[in-house]
Amino acid sequence: STCNSNQLQSNTNMTADKDFTFEPVPSNPPIVEAVPTPAPDFTTSANEDENPSDTAILVGCGLAGWVVGGPFLALLTALGGNWAKKKQ
């Protein structure tokens, strides 16, 4: 175990003995100019996304109603039928 610690110490001493020098590299800073960006082009497709037409709202809500309301009414009918059958 003493041999391993001596080897480790000698390795660290070898790396610490190396002399590194750092010299600054002369460089000119890049010249950056501010360039104004053009105004965004508003097209009719962007406005349609933000302001959907009445027809689009009716169609979308109708489809959502069919997806949610259809299974709900089927379950309600089935459970209501069982409830009415047990009541008699």
N, C-alpha and C. Protein backbone atom coordinates (compact mmCIF):
# COMPACT_ATOMS: atom_id res chain seq x y z
N SER A 1 0.82 -1.19 0.00
CA SER A 1 0.00 0.00 0.00
C SER A 1 0.86 1.25 0.00
N THR A 2 2.05 1.21 0.64
CA THR A 2 2.94 2.38 0.63
C THR A 2 3.51 2.59 -0.75
N CYS A 3 3.70 1.51 -1.49
CA CYS A 3 4.24 1.61 -2.84
C CYS A 3 3.23 2.36 -3.73
N ASN A 4 1.93 2.06 -3.58
CA ASN A 4 0.91 2.71 -4.39
C ASN A 4 0.83 4.20 -4.07
N SER A 5 0.92 4.57 -2.80
CA SER A 5 0.84 5.99 -2.46
C SER A 5 2.06 6.73 -2.96
N ASN A 6 3.24 6.08 -2.97
CA ASN A 6 4.44 6.73 -3.51
C ASN A 6 4.32 6.95 -5.02
N GLN A 7 3.74 5.95 -5.71
CA GLN A 7 3.56 6.10 -7.15
C GLN A 7 2.58 7.23 -7.45
N LEU A 8 1.52 7.31 -6.67
CA LEU A 8 0.53 8.35 -6.88
C LEU A 8 1.15 9.72 -6.64
N GLN A 9 1.95 9.81 -5.61
CA GLN A 9 2.59 11.08 -5.27
C GLN A 9 3.57 11.48 -6.36
N SER A 10 4.30 10.51 -6.89
CA SER A 10 5.27 10.84 -7.93
C SER A 10 4.55 11.28 -9.21
N ASN A 11 3.36 10.70 -9.51
CA ASN A 11 2.61 11.12 -10.69
C ASN A 11 2.11 12.54 -10.54
N THR A 12 1.62 12.88 -9.35
CA THR A 12 1.13 14.23 -9.16
C THR A 12 2.28 15.23 -9.17
N ASN A 13 3.42 14.82 -8.66
CA ASN A 13 4.58 15.73 -8.68
C ASN A 13 5.04 15.96 -10.11
N MET A 14 4.97 14.94 -10.94
CA MET A 14 5.42 15.11 -12.32
C MET A 14 4.50 16.09 -13.06
N THR A 15 3.21 16.00 -12.82
CA THR A 15 2.32 16.91 -13.53
C THR A 15 2.43 18.32 -12.96
N ALA A 16 2.73 18.45 -11.67
CA ALA A 16 2.84 19.77 -11.07
C ALA A 16 4.14 20.45 -11.48
N ASP A 17 5.17 19.67 -11.87
CA ASP A 17 6.45 20.25 -12.23
C ASP A 17 6.42 20.90 -13.61
N LYS A 18 5.46 20.51 -14.44
CA LYS A 18 5.39 21.08 -15.78
C LYS A 18 5.01 22.55 -15.68
N ASP A 19 5.66 23.36 -16.48
CA ASP A 19 5.40 24.80 -16.44
C ASP A 19 4.63 25.19 -17.69
N PHE A 20 3.41 25.68 -17.49
CA PHE A 20 2.58 26.10 -18.61
C PHE A 20 2.49 27.61 -18.60
N THR A 21 2.65 28.21 -19.76
CA THR A 21 2.48 29.65 -19.87
C THR A 21 1.37 29.92 -20.86
N PHE A 22 0.61 30.93 -20.55
CA PHE A 22 -0.50 31.30 -21.42
C PHE A 22 -0.25 32.70 -21.93
N GLU A 23 -0.29 32.84 -23.23
CA GLU A 23 -0.08 34.14 -23.83
C GLU A 23 -1.38 34.57 -24.50
N PRO A 24 -1.78 35.82 -24.29
CA PRO A 24 -3.02 36.28 -24.95
C PRO A 24 -2.82 36.34 -26.46
N VAL A 25 -3.81 35.93 -27.18
CA VAL A 25 -3.76 35.96 -28.64
C VAL A 25 -4.38 37.28 -29.08
N PRO A 26 -3.65 38.10 -29.81
CA PRO A 26 -4.23 39.38 -30.24
C PRO A 26 -5.35 39.14 -31.25
N SER A 27 -6.45 39.77 -30.98
CA SER A 27 -7.58 39.63 -31.91
C SER A 27 -8.39 40.91 -31.86
N ASN A 28 -8.92 41.25 -33.00
CA ASN A 28 -9.79 42.42 -33.07
C ASN A 28 -11.21 41.97 -32.79
N PRO A 29 -11.93 42.70 -31.93
CA PRO A 29 -13.31 42.30 -31.65
C PRO A 29 -14.16 42.48 -32.90
N PRO A 30 -15.11 41.57 -33.12
CA PRO A 30 -15.96 41.70 -34.31
C PRO A 30 -16.88 42.91 -34.18
N ILE A 31 -17.07 43.58 -35.29
CA ILE A 31 -17.96 44.74 -35.31
C ILE A 31 -19.36 44.23 -35.61
N VAL A 32 -20.28 44.53 -34.69
CA VAL A 32 -21.65 44.05 -34.83
C VAL A 32 -22.56 45.26 -34.99
N GLU A 33 -23.37 45.22 -36.02
CA GLU A 33 -24.30 46.32 -36.26
C GLU A 33 -25.71 45.82 -36.04
N ALA A 34 -26.54 46.65 -35.43
CA ALA A 34 -27.94 46.30 -35.22
C ALA A 34 -28.70 46.51 -36.52
N VAL A 35 -29.38 45.46 -36.96
CA VAL A 35 -30.16 45.53 -38.19
C VAL A 35 -31.63 45.36 -37.79
N PRO A 36 -32.47 46.33 -38.10
CA PRO A 36 -33.89 46.18 -37.73
C PRO A 36 -34.54 45.06 -38.52
N THR A 37 -35.37 44.30 -37.83
CA THR A 37 -36.08 43.21 -38.50
C THR A 37 -37.35 43.77 -39.13
N PRO A 38 -37.72 43.26 -40.27
CA PRO A 38 -38.94 43.76 -40.91
C PRO A 38 -40.17 43.35 -40.11
N ALA A 39 -41.23 44.12 -40.23
CA ALA A 39 -42.48 43.81 -39.53
C ALA A 39 -43.04 42.50 -40.06
N PRO A 40 -43.62 41.68 -39.19
CA PRO A 40 -44.18 40.41 -39.67
C PRO A 40 -45.33 40.64 -40.62
N ASP A 41 -45.40 39.78 -41.61
CA ASP A 41 -46.44 39.89 -42.64
C ASP A 41 -47.68 39.14 -42.17
N PHE A 42 -48.74 39.87 -41.87
CA PHE A 42 -49.97 39.25 -41.41
C PHE A 42 -50.80 38.85 -42.63
N THR A 43 -51.04 37.55 -42.73
CA THR A 43 -51.81 37.04 -43.86
C THR A 43 -53.20 36.64 -43.36
N THR A 44 -54.06 36.31 -44.29
CA THR A 44 -55.42 35.94 -43.91
C THR A 44 -55.45 34.61 -43.18
N SER A 45 -54.47 33.71 -43.45
CA SER A 45 -54.47 32.41 -42.78
C SER A 45 -54.16 32.57 -41.29
N ALA A 46 -53.30 33.53 -40.94
CA ALA A 46 -53.00 33.76 -39.52
C ALA A 46 -54.22 34.33 -38.81
N ASN A 47 -54.96 35.20 -39.48
CA ASN A 47 -56.15 35.76 -38.85
C ASN A 47 -57.26 34.72 -38.70
N GLU A 48 -57.32 33.78 -39.63
CA GLU A 48 -58.34 32.74 -39.54
C GLU A 48 -58.09 31.84 -38.34
N ASP A 49 -56.82 31.61 -38.01
CA ASP A 49 -56.51 30.77 -36.86
C ASP A 49 -56.92 31.44 -35.56
N GLU A 50 -56.75 32.76 -35.49
CA GLU A 50 -57.06 33.48 -34.27
C GLU A 50 -58.55 33.77 -34.15
N ASN A 51 -59.22 34.01 -35.26
CA ASN A 51 -60.64 34.33 -35.25
C ASN A 51 -61.39 33.33 -36.13
N PRO A 52 -61.73 32.16 -35.57
CA PRO A 52 -62.42 31.16 -36.40
C PRO A 52 -63.83 31.63 -36.75
N SER A 53 -64.30 31.18 -37.88
CA SER A 53 -65.64 31.57 -38.32
C SER A 53 -66.69 30.84 -37.50
N ASP A 54 -67.92 31.31 -37.58
CA ASP A 54 -69.03 30.67 -36.86
C ASP A 54 -69.24 29.24 -37.34
N THR A 55 -69.07 29.02 -38.64
CA THR A 55 -69.25 27.68 -39.18
C THR A 55 -68.20 26.73 -38.60
N ALA A 56 -66.96 27.20 -38.48
CA ALA A 56 -65.91 26.35 -37.92
C ALA A 56 -66.20 26.01 -36.47
N ILE A 57 -66.72 26.95 -35.72
CA ILE A 57 -67.06 26.69 -34.31
C ILE A 57 -68.19 25.67 -34.22
N LEU A 58 -69.22 25.83 -35.04
CA LEU A 58 -70.34 24.89 -35.02
C LEU A 58 -69.90 23.49 -35.41
N VAL A 59 -69.07 23.37 -36.44
CA VAL A 59 -68.60 22.05 -36.88
C VAL A 59 -67.73 21.42 -35.80
N GLY A 60 -66.81 22.20 -35.23
CA GLY A 60 -65.92 21.66 -34.19
C GLY A 60 -66.68 21.23 -32.95
N CYS A 61 -67.59 22.07 -32.50
CA CYS A 61 -68.38 21.71 -31.32
C CYS A 61 -69.33 20.55 -31.61
N GLY A 62 -69.83 20.48 -32.84
CA GLY A 62 -70.69 19.36 -33.21
C GLY A 62 -69.94 18.05 -33.18
N LEU A 63 -68.73 18.04 -33.72
CA LEU A 63 -67.93 16.82 -33.70
C LEU A 63 -67.57 16.43 -32.28
N ALA A 64 -67.20 17.41 -31.46
CA ALA A 64 -66.88 17.12 -30.06
C ALA A 64 -68.12 16.61 -29.33
N GLY A 65 -69.28 17.15 -29.66
CA GLY A 65 -70.52 16.70 -29.05
C GLY A 65 -70.84 15.26 -29.42
N TRP A 66 -70.60 14.90 -30.67
CA TRP A 66 -70.84 13.52 -31.08
C TRP A 66 -69.89 12.57 -30.35
N VAL A 67 -68.63 12.97 -30.22
CA VAL A 67 -67.63 12.10 -29.58
C VAL A 67 -67.96 11.90 -28.11
N VAL A 68 -68.37 12.97 -27.42
CA VAL A 68 -68.65 12.88 -25.99
C VAL A 68 -70.09 12.47 -25.74
N GLY A 69 -71.00 13.09 -26.44
CA GLY A 69 -72.42 12.86 -26.18
C GLY A 69 -72.92 11.51 -26.62
N GLY A 70 -72.39 10.97 -27.70
CA GLY A 70 -72.84 9.68 -28.19
C GLY A 70 -72.65 8.56 -27.18
N PRO A 71 -71.42 8.34 -26.70
CA PRO A 71 -71.22 7.30 -25.69
C PRO A 71 -71.98 7.58 -24.39
N PHE A 72 -72.09 8.87 -24.01
CA PHE A 72 -72.82 9.21 -22.79
C PHE A 72 -74.30 8.82 -22.91
N LEU A 73 -74.89 9.14 -24.04
CA LEU A 73 -76.30 8.78 -24.23
C LEU A 73 -76.49 7.27 -24.32
N ALA A 74 -75.52 6.56 -24.91
CA ALA A 74 -75.61 5.10 -24.99
C ALA A 74 -75.56 4.50 -23.58
N LEU A 75 -74.64 4.99 -22.73
CA LEU A 75 -74.57 4.49 -21.35
C LEU A 75 -75.83 4.85 -20.56
N LEU A 76 -76.30 6.08 -20.75
CA LEU A 76 -77.51 6.51 -20.04
C LEU A 76 -78.71 5.65 -20.42
N THR A 77 -78.82 5.33 -21.70
CA THR A 77 -79.93 4.49 -22.16
C THR A 77 -79.83 3.08 -21.60
N ALA A 78 -78.61 2.53 -21.61
CA ALA A 78 -78.43 1.16 -21.11
C ALA A 78 -78.71 1.09 -19.62
N LEU A 79 -78.16 2.04 -18.85
CA LEU A 79 -78.37 2.03 -17.41
C LEU A 79 -79.83 2.35 -17.07
N GLY A 80 -80.43 3.27 -17.84
CA GLY A 80 -81.84 3.58 -17.62
C GLY A 80 -82.73 2.40 -17.91
N GLY A 81 -82.40 1.62 -18.92
CA GLY A 81 -83.17 0.42 -19.26
C GLY A 81 -83.06 -0.61 -18.15
N ASN A 82 -81.85 -0.81 -17.60
CA ASN A 82 -81.69 -1.75 -16.49
C ASN A 82 -82.47 -1.27 -15.26
N TRP A 83 -82.41 0.00 -15.00
CA TRP A 83 -83.11 0.56 -13.83
C TRP A 83 -84.63 0.37 -13.96
N ALA A 84 -85.15 0.62 -15.19
CA ALA A 84 -86.60 0.45 -15.42
C ALA A 84 -87.00 -1.01 -15.34
N LYS A 85 -86.15 -1.92 -15.80
CA LYS A 85 -86.46 -3.35 -15.76
C LYS A 85 -86.49 -3.86 -14.31
N LYS A 86 -85.54 -3.38 -13.50
CA LYS A 86 -85.51 -3.81 -12.10
C LYS A 86 -86.67 -3.21 -11.30
N LYS A 87 -87.17 -2.08 -11.70
CA LYS A 87 -88.25 -1.40 -10.96
C LYS A 87 -89.55 -2.19 -11.09
N GLN A 88 -89.76 -2.84 -12.19
CA GLN A 88 -91.04 -3.55 -12.42
C GLN A 88 -91.10 -4.82 -11.65
